[in-house]
C-alpha atoms as a PDB file:
ATOM      1  CA  MET A   1      -2.891 -10.410  31.700  1.00  0.00           C
ATOM      2  CA  ARG A   2       0.944 -10.647  32.711  1.00  0.00           C
ATOM      3  CA  HIS A   3       1.212 -13.547  30.525  1.00  0.00           C
ATOM      4  CA  LEU A   4      -0.287 -11.685  27.598  1.00  0.00           C
ATOM      5  CA  VAL A   5       2.005  -8.725  28.146  1.00  0.00           C
ATOM      6  CA  LEU A   6       5.042 -11.011  28.270  1.00  0.00           C
ATOM      7  CA  LEU A   7       3.846 -12.705  25.007  1.00  0.00           C
ATOM      8  CA  LEU A   8       3.366  -9.418  23.160  1.00  0.00           C
ATOM      9  CA  ALA A   9       6.781  -8.303  24.338  1.00  0.00           C
ATOM     10  CA  LEU A  10       8.364 -11.439  23.029  1.00  0.00           C
ATOM     11  CA  PHE A  11       6.745 -10.874  19.595  1.00  0.00           C
ATOM     12  CA  LEU A  12       7.856  -7.163  19.506  1.00  0.00           C
ATOM     13  CA  SER A  13      11.372  -8.143  20.432  1.00  0.00           C
ATOM     14  CA  VAL A  14      11.599 -10.105  16.995  1.00  0.00           C
ATOM     15  CA  PRO A  15      13.473  -7.899  14.424  1.00  0.00           C
ATOM     16  CA  ALA A  16      10.907  -5.869  12.414  1.00  0.00           C
ATOM     17  CA  LEU A  17      10.731  -6.039   8.866  1.00  0.00           C
ATOM     18  CA  ALA A  18      10.041  -3.399   6.238  1.00  0.00           C
ATOM     19  CA  GLN A  19       7.109  -0.996   6.951  1.00  0.00           C
ATOM     20  CA  GLU A  20       6.145  -0.596   3.231  1.00  0.00           C
ATOM     21  CA  GLY A  21       4.675  -2.986   0.625  1.00  0.00           C
ATOM     22  CA  THR A  22       1.721  -4.868  -0.589  1.00  0.00           C
ATOM     23  CA  VAL A  23      -0.789  -7.515   0.644  1.00  0.00           C
ATOM     24  CA  ARG A  24      -2.944  -9.504  -1.712  1.00  0.00           C
ATOM     25  CA  TYR A  25      -6.178 -10.439   0.143  1.00  0.00           C
ATOM     26  CA  GLU A  26      -8.596 -12.954  -0.885  1.00  0.00           C
ATOM     27  CA  ILE A  27     -11.998 -11.976   0.276  1.00  0.00           C
ATOM     28  CA  THR A  28     -14.994 -14.368   0.535  1.00  0.00           C
ATOM     29  CA  THR A  29     -18.668 -13.038   1.190  1.00  0.00           C
ATOM     30  CA  ARG A  30     -21.327 -15.536   2.151  1.00  0.00           C
ATOM     31  CA  LEU A  31     -24.522 -14.494   0.186  1.00  0.00           C
ATOM     32  CA  ASP A  32     -28.042 -14.750   1.646  1.00  0.00           C
ATOM     33  CA  ILE A  33     -30.335 -15.079  -1.260  1.00  0.00           C
ATOM     34  CA  GLU A  34     -34.081 -14.723  -0.675  1.00  0.00           C
ATOM     35  CA  LEU A  35     -36.111 -16.192  -3.491  1.00  0.00           C
ATOM     36  CA  PRO A  36     -40.177 -15.752  -4.091  1.00  0.00           C
ATOM     37  CA  PRO A  37     -42.058 -19.073  -3.999  1.00  0.00           C
ATOM     38  CA  GLU A  38     -42.131 -19.338  -7.688  1.00  0.00           C
ATOM     39  CA  MET A  39     -38.335 -19.338  -7.808  1.00  0.00           C
ATOM     40  CA  GLN A  40     -37.625 -21.703  -4.961  1.00  0.00           C
ATOM     41  CA  HIS A  41     -36.712 -24.518  -7.481  1.00  0.00           C
ATOM     42  CA  MET A  42     -33.963 -22.516  -8.664  1.00  0.00           C
ATOM     43  CA  ALA A  43     -32.106 -21.984  -5.238  1.00  0.00           C
ATOM     44  CA  ASP A  44     -29.380 -24.662  -5.907  1.00  0.00           C
ATOM     45  CA  GLN A  45     -28.353 -22.806  -9.003  1.00  0.00           C
ATOM     46  CA  PHE A  46     -27.335 -19.669  -7.072  1.00  0.00           C
ATOM     47  CA  PRO A  47     -23.755 -19.493  -5.658  1.00  0.00           C
ATOM     48  CA  SER A  48     -23.658 -19.385  -1.767  1.00  0.00           C
ATOM     49  CA  THR A  49     -20.389 -17.411  -1.668  1.00  0.00           C
ATOM     50  CA  MET A  50     -18.594 -14.718  -3.721  1.00  0.00           C
ATOM     51  CA  THR A  51     -14.992 -14.202  -3.934  1.00  0.00           C
ATOM     52  CA  ALA A  52     -12.887 -11.357  -4.859  1.00  0.00           C
ATOM     53  CA  SER A  53      -9.073 -10.169  -4.589  1.00  0.00           C
ATOM     54  CA  LYS A  54      -7.822  -6.998  -3.463  1.00  0.00           C
ATOM     55  CA  LEU A  55      -4.260  -5.419  -3.067  1.00  0.00           C
ATOM     56  CA  LEU A  56      -3.440  -3.285   0.015  1.00  0.00           C
ATOM     57  CA  HIS A  57      -0.685  -0.954  -0.607  1.00  0.00           C
ATOM     58  CA  PHE A  58       0.770   0.432   2.669  1.00  0.00           C
ATOM     59  CA  ASP A  59       3.414   2.377   4.388  1.00  0.00           C
ATOM     60  CA  GLU A  60       4.034   3.579   7.912  1.00  0.00           C
ATOM     61  CA  SER A  61       1.279   6.204   7.995  1.00  0.00           C
ATOM     62  CA  SER A  62      -1.362   5.449   5.055  1.00  0.00           C
ATOM     63  CA  SER A  63      -2.873   2.588   2.833  1.00  0.00           C
ATOM     64  CA  LEU A  64      -4.718   2.188  -0.197  1.00  0.00           C
ATOM     65  CA  LEU A  65      -7.133  -0.684  -1.231  1.00  0.00           C
ATOM     66  CA  VAL A  66      -7.826  -1.415  -4.680  1.00  0.00           C
ATOM     67  CA  ALA A  67      -9.083  -4.372  -6.912  1.00  0.00           C
ATOM     68  CA  ALA A  68      -6.380  -6.941  -7.715  1.00  0.00           C
ATOM     69  CA  PRO A  69      -5.470  -7.280 -11.478  1.00  0.00           C
ATOM     70  CA  GLU A  70      -7.012 -10.850 -11.303  1.00  0.00           C
ATOM     71  CA  ALA A  71     -10.184  -9.576  -9.968  1.00  0.00           C
ATOM     72  CA  GLU A  72     -11.108  -8.291 -13.546  1.00  0.00           C
ATOM     73  CA  GLU A  73     -12.953 -11.394 -14.504  1.00  0.00           C
ATOM     74  CA  GLU A  74     -16.122 -11.891 -16.443  1.00  0.00           C
ATOM     75  CA  ASP A  75     -19.381 -11.814 -14.573  1.00  0.00           C
ATOM     76  CA  GLU A  76     -20.674 -15.004 -13.481  1.00  0.00           C
ATOM     77  CA  ASP A  77     -24.046 -15.645 -14.851  1.00  0.00           C
ATOM     78  CA  PHE A  78     -26.621 -18.435 -15.465  1.00  0.00           C
ATOM     79  CA  SER A  79     -30.022 -18.660 -17.423  1.00  0.00           C
ATOM     80  CA  SER A  80     -33.103 -20.557 -16.479  1.00  0.00           C
ATOM     81  CA  GLY A  81     -36.804 -20.397 -17.560  1.00  0.00           C
ATOM     82  CA  GLY A  82     -35.810 -17.467 -19.859  1.00  0.00           C
ATOM     83  CA  MET A  83     -34.322 -15.555 -17.017  1.00  0.00           C
ATOM     84  CA  ARG A  84     -30.540 -14.457 -17.138  1.00  0.00           C
ATOM     85  CA  VAL A  85     -29.014 -13.554 -13.823  1.00  0.00           C
ATOM     86  CA  MET A  86     -25.730 -11.871 -13.512  1.00  0.00           C
ATOM     87  CA  PHE A  87     -23.164 -11.543 -10.529  1.00  0.00           C
ATOM     88  CA  ARG A  88     -20.730  -8.743 -10.573  1.00  0.00           C
ATOM     89  CA  ARG A  89     -17.513 -10.281  -8.912  1.00  0.00           C
ATOM     90  CA  ALA A  90     -15.627  -7.020  -8.419  1.00  0.00           C
ATOM     91  CA  GLN A  91     -15.677  -3.284  -9.315  1.00  0.00           C
ATOM     92  CA  GLU A  92     -12.180  -2.474 -10.425  1.00  0.00           C
ATOM     93  CA  GLU A  93     -12.517   1.311 -10.049  1.00  0.00           C
ATOM     94  CA  ASN A  94     -13.538   1.116  -6.328  1.00  0.00           C
ATOM     95  CA  ALA A  95     -10.619   2.050  -3.953  1.00  0.00           C
ATOM     96  CA  LEU A  96     -10.275   2.982  -0.186  1.00  0.00           C
ATOM     97  CA  TYR A  97      -7.462   5.431   1.048  1.00  0.00           C
ATOM     98  CA  VAL A  98      -6.833   5.614   4.740  1.00  0.00           C
ATOM     99  CA  ASP A  99      -4.646   8.192   6.312  1.00  0.00           C
ATOM    100  CA  ARG A 100      -3.886   6.707   9.819  1.00  0.00           C
ATOM    101  CA  ASP A 101      -2.025   9.790  10.845  1.00  0.00           C
ATOM    102  CA  ALA A 102      -4.816  12.117  10.303  1.00  0.00           C
ATOM    103  CA  GLY A 103      -7.595   9.616  11.165  1.00  0.00           C
ATOM    104  CA  THR A 104      -9.426  10.155   7.805  1.00  0.00           C
ATOM    105  CA  SER A 105     -10.387   8.081   4.824  1.00  0.00           C
ATOM    106  CA  VAL A 106     -11.533   8.765   1.168  1.00  0.00           C
ATOM    107  CA  GLU A 107     -13.500   5.902  -0.479  1.00  0.00           C
ATOM    108  CA  LYS A 108     -14.006   5.885  -4.254  1.00  0.00           C
ATOM    109  CA  ARG A 109     -17.344   4.038  -5.039  1.00  0.00           C
ATOM    110  CA  ASP A 110     -19.001   3.379  -8.258  1.00  0.00           C
ATOM    111  CA  PHE A 111     -22.857   3.176  -8.207  1.00  0.00           C
ATOM    112  CA  MET A 112     -25.123   3.054 -11.172  1.00  0.00           C
ATOM    113  CA  GLY A 113     -22.247   4.340 -13.515  1.00  0.00           C
ATOM    114  CA  ARG A 114     -21.608   7.416 -11.394  1.00  0.00           C
ATOM    115  CA  THR A 115     -18.365   7.687  -9.342  1.00  0.00           C
ATOM    116  CA  PHE A 116     -18.510   9.096  -5.749  1.00  0.00           C
ATOM    117  CA  LEU A 117     -15.769  10.109  -3.269  1.00  0.00           C
ATOM    118  CA  ILE A 118     -16.950   9.431   0.353  1.00  0.00           C
ATOM    119  CA  ASP A 119     -15.015  11.256   3.067  1.00  0.00           C
ATOM    120  CA  GLY A 120     -15.063   9.537   6.273  1.00  0.00           C
ATOM    121  CA  GLU A 121     -13.070   8.761   9.564  1.00  0.00           C
ATOM    122  CA  PRO A 122     -12.223   5.228  10.460  1.00  0.00           C
ATOM    123  CA  GLU A 123     -13.880   4.009  13.640  1.00  0.00           C
ATOM    124  CA  PRO A 124     -11.318   3.208  16.327  1.00  0.00           C
ATOM    125  CA  LEU A 125     -12.051  -0.216  17.708  1.00  0.00           C
ATOM    126  CA  ALA A 126     -11.582  -1.259  21.405  1.00  0.00           C
ATOM    127  CA  TRP A 127      -9.435  -4.355  20.569  1.00  0.00           C
ATOM    128  CA  ARG A 128      -9.068  -7.139  22.969  1.00  0.00           C
ATOM    129  CA  LEU A 129      -5.724  -8.950  22.577  1.00  0.00           C
ATOM    130  CA  THR A 130      -5.701 -12.715  23.373  1.00  0.00           C
ATOM    131  CA  ASP A 131      -2.855 -15.017  24.027  1.00  0.00           C
ATOM    132  CA  GLU A 132      -3.786 -17.228  21.020  1.00  0.00           C
ATOM    133  CA  GLN A 133      -0.867 -17.715  18.439  1.00  0.00           C
ATOM    134  CA  SER A 134      -0.686 -19.140  14.791  1.00  0.00           C
ATOM    135  CA  GLU A 135       1.450 -18.623  11.662  1.00  0.00           C
ATOM    136  CA  PHE A 136       0.245 -17.181   8.338  1.00  0.00           C
ATOM    137  CA  LEU A 137       2.390 -16.954   5.388  1.00  0.00           C
ATOM    138  CA  GLY A 138       5.537 -17.824   7.627  1.00  0.00           C
ATOM    139  CA  TYR A 139       4.616 -14.659   9.902  1.00  0.00           C
ATOM    140  CA  PRO A 140       3.929 -15.247  13.630  1.00  0.00           C
ATOM    141  CA  CYS A 141       0.517 -13.785  14.302  1.00  0.00           C
ATOM    142  CA  MET A 142      -1.543 -12.916  17.386  1.00  0.00           C
ATOM    143  CA  LYS A 143      -5.382 -12.922  17.765  1.00  0.00           C
ATOM    144  CA  ALA A 144      -7.377  -9.955  18.493  1.00  0.00           C
ATOM    145  CA  THR A 145     -11.197  -9.523  18.690  1.00  0.00           C
ATOM    146  CA  ALA A 146     -13.624  -6.548  19.021  1.00  0.00           C
ATOM    147  CA  MET A 147     -17.075  -5.362  18.106  1.00  0.00           C
ATOM    148  CA  ARG A 148     -18.042  -2.829  15.473  1.00  0.00           C
ATOM    149  CA  ASP A 149     -21.587  -1.805  16.251  1.00  0.00           C
ATOM    150  CA  THR A 150     -23.241  -5.330  16.429  1.00  0.00           C
ATOM    151  CA  VAL A 151     -20.524  -7.033  14.283  1.00  0.00           C
ATOM    152  CA  ALA A 152     -18.097  -9.342  15.669  1.00  0.00           C
ATOM    153  CA  VAL A 153     -14.519  -8.912  14.430  1.00  0.00           C
ATOM    154  CA  GLU A 154     -11.568 -11.281  14.648  1.00  0.00           C
ATOM    155  CA  ALA A 155      -8.180 -10.349  13.467  1.00  0.00           C
ATOM    156  CA  TRP A 156      -5.012 -12.161  13.152  1.00  0.00           C
ATOM    157  CA  PHE A 157      -1.959  -9.633  13.080  1.00  0.00           C
ATOM    158  CA  THR A 158       1.764 -10.032  12.774  1.00  0.00           C
ATOM    159  CA  PRO A 159       3.874  -7.521  15.037  1.00  0.00           C
ATOM    160  CA  GLU A 160       6.893  -8.534  12.687  1.00  0.00           C
ATOM    161  CA  ILE A 161       5.559  -6.221  10.205  1.00  0.00           C
ATOM    162  CA  PRO A 162       4.777  -3.139  12.717  1.00  0.00           C
ATOM    163  CA  VAL A 163       2.148  -1.375  10.479  1.00  0.00           C
ATOM    164  CA  SER A 164      -1.167  -0.472  11.963  1.00  0.00           C
ATOM    165  CA  ALA A 165      -3.115  -1.419   8.954  1.00  0.00           C
ATOM    166  CA  GLY A 166      -5.418  -3.874   7.299  1.00  0.00           C
ATOM    167  CA  PRO A 167      -8.078  -4.667   4.823  1.00  0.00           C
ATOM    168  CA  GLU A 168     -10.715  -2.117   4.438  1.00  0.00           C
ATOM    169  CA  ASP A 169     -10.301   0.506   7.097  1.00  0.00           C
ATOM    170  CA  PHE A 170      -9.546  -1.930   9.858  1.00  0.00           C
ATOM    171  CA  GLY A 171      -6.342  -1.295  11.911  1.00  0.00           C
ATOM    172  CA  GLY A 172      -5.188   0.116  15.228  1.00  0.00           C
ATOM    173  CA  LEU A 173      -3.233  -3.175  16.140  1.00  0.00           C
ATOM    174  CA  PRO A 174       0.557  -3.272  16.736  1.00  0.00           C
ATOM    175  CA  GLY A 175       1.079  -5.037  13.452  1.00  0.00           C
ATOM    176  CA  LEU A 176      -0.397  -5.693   9.996  1.00  0.00           C
ATOM    177  CA  ILE A 177      -3.646  -7.646   9.762  1.00  0.00           C
ATOM    178  CA  LEU A 178      -3.233 -10.864   7.714  1.00  0.00           C
ATOM    179  CA  VAL A 179      -6.627 -12.405   8.487  1.00  0.00           C
ATOM    180  CA  LEU A 180      -9.784 -10.745   9.265  1.00  0.00           C
ATOM    181  CA  THR A 181     -13.129 -12.378   9.865  1.00  0.00           C
ATOM    182  CA  LEU A 182     -16.622 -10.396  10.258  1.00  0.00           C
ATOM    183  CA  ASP A 183     -19.784 -11.409  11.602  1.00  0.00           C
ATOM    184  CA  ASP A 184     -19.234 -15.155  12.123  1.00  0.00           C
ATOM    185  CA  ALA A 185     -17.433 -15.543   9.087  1.00  0.00           C
ATOM    186  CA  ARG A 186     -20.052 -13.802   6.776  1.00  0.00           C
ATOM    187  CA  GLN A 187     -17.154 -12.174   5.232  1.00  0.00           C
ATOM    188  CA  THR A 188     -13.346 -13.000   5.484  1.00  0.00           C
ATOM    189  CA  PHE A 189     -10.159 -11.465   4.331  1.00  0.00           C
ATOM    190  CA  ILE A 190      -7.148 -13.891   4.019  1.00  0.00           C
ATOM    191  CA  ALA A 191      -3.760 -12.588   3.065  1.00  0.00           C
ATOM    192  CA  ARG A 192      -2.301 -14.765   0.216  1.00  0.00           C
ATOM    193  CA  GLU A 193       0.637 -12.998  -0.591  1.00  0.00           C
ATOM    194  CA  VAL A 194       2.860 -10.324   1.203  1.00  0.00           C
ATOM    195  CA  THR A 195       5.647  -8.382  -0.702  1.00  0.00           C
ATOM    196  CA  LEU A 196       7.725  -5.937   1.401  1.00  0.00           C
ATOM    197  CA  GLU A 197       9.479  -3.505  -0.667  1.00  0.00           C
ATOM    198  CA  PRO A 198       9.461   0.155  -1.452  1.00  0.00           C
ATOM    199  CA  LEU A 199       6.483   1.322  -3.238  1.00  0.00           C
ATOM    200  CA  ALA A 200       6.774   3.460  -6.492  1.00  0.00           C
ATOM    201  CA  GLU A 201       6.267   7.276  -5.745  1.00  0.00           C
ATOM    202  CA  GLY A 202       2.455   8.033  -5.915  1.00  0.00           C
ATOM    203  CA  THR A 203       1.268   4.585  -5.279  1.00  0.00           C
ATOM    204  CA  ILE A 204      -0.637   5.467  -2.343  1.00  0.00           C
ATOM    205  CA  ALA A 205      -2.691   8.619  -2.898  1.00  0.00           C
ATOM    206  CA  ALA A 206      -6.278   9.492  -2.060  1.00  0.00           C
ATOM    207  CA  PRO A 207      -8.608   9.121  -5.022  1.00  0.00           C
ATOM    208  CA  GLU A 208      -9.552  12.560  -6.618  1.00  0.00           C
ATOM    209  CA  ASP A 209     -12.016  11.896  -9.516  1.00  0.00           C
ATOM    210  CA  GLY A 210     -15.652  11.727  -8.535  1.00  0.00           C
ATOM    211  CA  ARG A 211     -18.535  13.534  -6.738  1.00  0.00           C
ATOM    212  CA  ARG A 212     -17.463  14.217  -3.063  1.00  0.00           C
ATOM    213  CA  VAL A 213     -20.079  13.112  -0.695  1.00  0.00           C
ATOM    214  CA  THR A 214     -20.462  12.078   3.035  1.00  0.00           C
ATOM    215  CA  GLU A 215     -21.550   8.531   3.770  1.00  0.00           C
ATOM    216  CA  GLU A 216     -25.042   9.761   4.846  1.00  0.00           C
ATOM    217  CA  GLU A 217     -25.410  11.552   1.601  1.00  0.00           C
ATOM    218  CA  PHE A 218     -24.346   8.451  -0.364  1.00  0.00           C
ATOM    219  CA  THR A 219     -26.667   6.389   1.490  1.00  0.00           C
ATOM    220  CA  THR A 220     -29.523   8.830   0.696  1.00  0.00           C
ATOM    221  CA  ILE A 221     -28.548   8.728  -2.812  1.00  0.00           C
ATOM    222  CA  MET A 222     -28.432   4.804  -2.968  1.00  0.00           C
ATOM    223  CA  LYS A 223     -31.995   4.623  -1.158  1.00  0.00           C
ATOM    224  CA  GLU A 224     -33.528   7.077  -3.612  1.00  0.00           C
ATOM    225  CA  LYS A 225     -32.243   5.202  -6.661  1.00  0.00           C
ATOM    226  CA  ILE A 226     -33.310   1.840  -5.151  1.00  0.00           C
ATOM    227  CA  GLU A 227     -36.762   3.164  -4.676  1.00  0.00           C
ATOM    228  CA  GLU A 228     -36.965   4.644  -8.100  1.00  0.00           C
ATOM    229  CA  MET A 229     -36.138   1.207  -9.524  1.00  0.00           C
ATOM    230  CA  GLN A 230     -38.632  -0.683  -7.473  1.00  0.00           C
ATOM    231  CA  LYS A 231     -41.289   1.758  -8.578  1.00  0.00           C
ATOM    232  CA  ALA A 232     -40.204   1.102 -12.099  1.00  0.00           C
ATOM    233  CA  TYR A 233     -39.852  -2.748 -11.782  1.00  0.00           C
ATOM    234  CA  GLY A 234     -41.797  -3.611  -8.643  1.00  0.00           C
ATOM    235  CA  GLY A 235     -44.853  -4.713 -10.402  1.00  0.00           C
ATOM    236  CA  ARG A 236     -42.905  -7.546 -12.432  1.00  0.00           C
ATOM    237  CA  ARG A 237     -42.509 -11.005 -11.337  1.00  0.00           C
ATOM    238  CA  GLY A 238     -39.416 -12.935 -10.633  1.00  0.00           C
ATOM    239  CA  GLY A 239     -37.530 -10.709  -8.421  1.00  0.00           C
ATOM    240  CA  PHE A 240     -35.374 -11.682  -5.565  1.00  0.00           C
ATOM    241  CA  THR A 241     -33.014 -10.215  -2.868  1.00  0.00           C
ATOM    242  CA  ILE A 242     -29.316 -10.829  -2.337  1.00  0.00           C
ATOM    243  CA  ARG A 243     -27.683  -9.792   0.741  1.00  0.00           C
ATOM    244  CA  GLY A 244     -23.881  -9.954   1.233  1.00  0.00           C
END
């Protein structure tokens, strides 16, 4: 433990850089696709992962995660046996605002053509700092691990940028998270570019347009809509499930 404290003190002794800027993350999500027997011959035609790119605008007390411009790509699709399958890469309207001082968040999420604003409180994690070190994009980093419910979380953060922020609503470390791995690499966030410069006024702001709901209310709305769709199309063949 004494070695770890000394190591962290050494990192923190490095002159801190600006506490405002933008990070571009590349996000890779592993897909688990469950196909019915009649579709097993098509298994190799489905992608095993999906990638997206997001921007995290941050300052000392808050952050805003939005889709990167290059994420506005055409949908990936293929056809086989008269069936056309489409994969949505990213929803450019989705956003996540986190106010670290207040301990609150507002997520803007599109679902079935409707926009919702989900109020929440980022869950504080019991991070365990390790003595593992690495370097990403030229920044010295330290490794930390935690559990969120049953999901294992691994983060590489840099004390050189002393902002307690990261992708999604992850934070709470003495430095910006540059690499985040969830659930044994089921989803990874890797910083591909860090820009440290003052942000234009109003860049970081909570989303305002949409129906305001709680996470529980949004989950109920989704379940009800999915049940409606299952009743309407459940009798048709050729369905499959994708879990990301």
